[in-house]
Amino acid sequence: MGKRTPSGTPALRVVEAAGVTFRLLEYGHDPRDAHGFGLESAAKLDVAPERVFKTLLAQVDDHLVCALVPASGMLDLKALADAAGGKKARLAEPADAERATGYVVGGISPLGQKQAHTTVIDASARQHDMILVSGGRRGLSIELAPADLAALAAASFAPISR
């Protein structure tokens, strides 16, 4: 079980309330790091990038969808549209993603978002016992089992990365 933090993010409150096994990992985020948030997290936490899942929001037809793909890969928008039952997908504008989730870009967690979204996790997550996702702010990650993440986020698994 993770440690309780008095100023926990909504994502931390979700995992704590669920009673799932998780580990909280923190690192000093460097705004000058040009690798991207997921790769920075992997490097600073000394974790394989394919175990760190970045949270992206995409506009699929007329609704936002939350997609989780390995930091080492890229989101396949066509595959996401198919997985979400839509025809066309494009990445959401950062301001729209922040408004819909309540988190800032680079700290968007798939858990504890302001609004519920259809959520799809890349199928590669199932190859790992534990994966890392954003804990709701830059420099904060939550390590948990992919099945627990899927249950907490009401998510499905599909091959959505390339």
Protein backbone atom coordinates (compact mmCIF):
# COMPACT_ATOMS: atom_id res chain seq x y z
CA MET A 1 0.00 0.00 0.00
CA GLY A 2 1.27 3.48 -0.78
CA LYS A 3 1.96 6.12 1.81
CA ARG A 4 -0.73 8.67 2.56
CA THR A 5 0.07 12.24 1.66
CA PRO A 6 -1.94 15.12 3.12
CA SER A 7 -1.92 17.09 -0.13
CA GLY A 8 -2.62 14.07 -2.32
CA THR A 9 -3.79 14.54 -5.85
CA PRO A 10 -7.17 13.23 -7.02
CA ALA A 11 -5.30 10.32 -8.63
CA LEU A 12 -3.70 9.37 -5.31
CA ARG A 13 -7.03 9.59 -3.56
CA VAL A 14 -8.47 7.13 -6.12
CA VAL A 15 -5.78 4.48 -5.57
CA GLU A 16 -5.80 4.94 -1.79
CA ALA A 17 -9.60 4.61 -1.60
CA ALA A 18 -9.54 1.49 -3.78
CA GLY A 19 -7.05 -0.26 -1.53
CA VAL A 20 -4.99 -1.58 -4.44
CA THR A 21 -1.27 -2.22 -4.15
CA PHE A 22 0.69 0.72 -5.51
CA ARG A 23 3.94 2.56 -5.07
CA LEU A 24 4.39 6.31 -5.21
CA LEU A 25 7.52 7.55 -6.98
CA GLU A 26 8.71 11.15 -7.10
CA TYR A 27 11.47 12.90 -9.01
CA GLY A 28 12.55 16.46 -9.66
CA HIS A 29 10.92 17.51 -12.92
CA ASP A 30 13.19 19.65 -15.10
CA PRO A 31 11.15 21.96 -17.37
CA ARG A 32 14.18 22.18 -19.69
CA ASP A 33 14.22 18.40 -20.29
CA ALA A 34 13.60 17.98 -24.02
CA HIS A 35 12.89 14.22 -23.89
CA GLY A 36 9.20 14.57 -23.06
CA PHE A 37 7.51 13.91 -19.75
CA GLY A 38 7.30 10.11 -20.07
CA LEU A 39 10.91 9.62 -21.10
CA GLU A 40 12.09 12.05 -18.42
CA SER A 41 10.17 10.03 -15.84
CA ALA A 42 11.67 6.75 -17.07
CA ALA A 43 15.20 8.15 -17.00
CA LYS A 44 14.96 9.81 -13.59
CA LEU A 45 13.24 6.81 -11.97
CA ASP A 46 15.57 4.33 -13.74
CA VAL A 47 12.61 2.42 -15.21
CA ALA A 48 12.36 0.93 -18.71
CA PRO A 49 10.44 3.41 -20.92
CA GLU A 50 8.08 0.64 -22.05
CA ARG A 51 6.82 0.40 -18.42
CA VAL A 52 6.07 4.12 -18.17
CA PHE A 53 2.73 4.98 -19.75
CA LYS A 54 2.00 8.51 -20.86
CA THR A 55 -1.56 9.80 -20.71
CA LEU A 56 -2.80 11.51 -23.86
CA LEU A 57 -6.22 12.92 -24.64
CA ALA A 58 -7.59 12.68 -28.14
CA GLN A 59 -10.71 13.94 -29.80
CA VAL A 60 -12.43 10.87 -31.26
CA ASP A 61 -15.31 12.04 -33.43
CA ASP A 62 -17.23 14.29 -31.00
CA HIS A 63 -15.83 13.19 -27.62
CA LEU A 64 -12.57 13.12 -25.70
CA VAL A 65 -10.86 9.77 -25.14
CA CYS A 66 -8.02 9.10 -22.73
CA ALA A 67 -5.22 6.97 -24.22
CA LEU A 68 -2.27 5.41 -22.39
CA VAL A 69 0.76 4.39 -24.41
CA PRO A 70 4.34 3.52 -23.45
CA ALA A 71 6.72 6.48 -23.20
CA SER A 72 8.89 4.64 -25.72
CA GLY A 73 6.12 4.61 -28.34
CA MET A 74 3.66 6.85 -30.11
CA LEU A 75 -0.12 6.90 -30.16
CA ASP A 76 -1.67 5.40 -33.29
CA LEU A 77 -4.67 7.68 -33.78
CA LYS A 78 -6.44 5.38 -36.25
CA ALA A 79 -6.09 2.42 -33.87
CA LEU A 80 -7.42 4.58 -31.01
CA ALA A 81 -10.41 5.66 -33.08
CA ASP A 82 -11.15 2.00 -33.87
CA ALA A 83 -10.74 0.95 -30.23
CA ALA A 84 -13.05 3.75 -29.07
CA GLY A 85 -15.70 2.92 -31.67
CA GLY A 86 -15.08 6.09 -33.67
CA LYS A 87 -14.06 6.99 -37.19
CA LYS A 88 -11.47 9.71 -36.77
CA ALA A 89 -9.12 10.84 -34.00
CA ARG A 90 -6.77 13.74 -33.44
CA LEU A 91 -4.83 14.82 -30.38
CA ALA A 92 -6.77 17.20 -28.16
CA GLU A 93 -5.54 20.73 -27.70
CA PRO A 94 -3.54 21.02 -24.46
CA ALA A 95 -5.96 23.59 -22.98
CA ASP A 96 -8.91 21.28 -23.71
CA ALA A 97 -7.11 18.34 -22.09
CA GLU A 98 -6.31 20.40 -18.99
CA ARG A 99 -9.85 21.73 -18.71
CA ALA A 100 -11.42 18.28 -19.09
CA THR A 101 -9.08 16.48 -16.68
CA GLY A 102 -8.27 19.11 -14.05
CA TYR A 103 -4.56 18.34 -14.49
CA VAL A 104 -1.75 20.20 -16.27
CA VAL A 105 -0.06 18.75 -19.35
CA GLY A 106 2.83 16.59 -18.21
CA GLY A 107 0.90 15.67 -15.07
CA ILE A 108 -2.34 14.33 -16.54
CA SER A 109 -3.27 11.14 -14.78
CA PRO A 110 -5.78 8.61 -16.09
CA LEU A 111 -7.19 8.52 -12.55
CA GLY A 112 -9.24 11.15 -10.74
CA GLN A 113 -10.04 13.27 -13.77
CA LYS A 114 -12.72 15.98 -13.45
CA GLN A 115 -14.84 14.28 -16.12
CA ALA A 116 -15.04 10.58 -16.90
CA HIS A 117 -13.66 9.67 -20.32
CA THR A 118 -13.54 6.50 -22.35
CA THR A 119 -10.06 5.18 -21.53
CA VAL A 120 -7.93 2.82 -23.61
CA ILE A 121 -4.63 1.36 -22.42
CA ASP A 122 -2.18 0.01 -24.97
CA ALA A 123 -2.26 -3.80 -24.90
CA SER A 124 1.51 -3.91 -24.26
CA ALA A 125 0.79 -2.94 -20.64
CA ARG A 126 -0.34 -6.52 -20.01
CA GLN A 127 3.24 -7.72 -20.61
CA HIS A 128 4.33 -6.11 -17.34
CA ASP A 129 3.51 -6.96 -13.74
CA MET A 130 3.59 -3.26 -12.84
CA ILE A 131 3.46 -0.07 -14.92
CA LEU A 132 3.85 3.60 -14.08
CA VAL A 133 1.36 6.37 -14.83
CA SER A 134 1.22 10.00 -13.82
CA GLY A 135 0.20 10.62 -10.24
CA GLY A 136 -1.49 13.88 -11.13
CA ARG A 137 1.38 16.32 -11.21
CA ARG A 138 4.72 16.66 -12.95
CA GLY A 139 7.36 14.64 -11.13
CA LEU A 140 4.91 12.22 -9.49
CA SER A 141 4.26 8.67 -10.73
CA ILE A 142 2.12 5.82 -9.48
CA GLU A 143 3.29 2.26 -10.04
CA LEU A 144 0.47 -0.31 -10.11
CA ALA A 145 -0.68 -3.46 -11.87
CA PRO A 146 -2.19 -2.92 -15.33
CA ALA A 147 -5.36 -4.81 -14.32
CA ASP A 148 -5.80 -2.54 -11.29
CA LEU A 149 -5.34 0.55 -13.46
CA ALA A 150 -7.90 -0.76 -15.95
CA ALA A 151 -10.41 -1.45 -13.16
CA LEU A 152 -9.93 1.96 -11.53
CA ALA A 153 -10.12 3.86 -14.84
CA ALA A 154 -12.90 1.67 -16.31
CA ALA A 155 -10.46 1.17 -19.19
CA SER A 156 -10.10 -1.36 -21.96
CA PHE A 157 -6.92 -2.73 -23.52
CA ALA A 158 -6.22 -2.44 -27.25
CA PRO A 159 -3.14 -2.17 -29.50
CA ILE A 160 -3.04 1.64 -29.83
CA SER A 161 0.69 2.40 -30.00
CA ARG A 162 3.30 2.13 -32.72
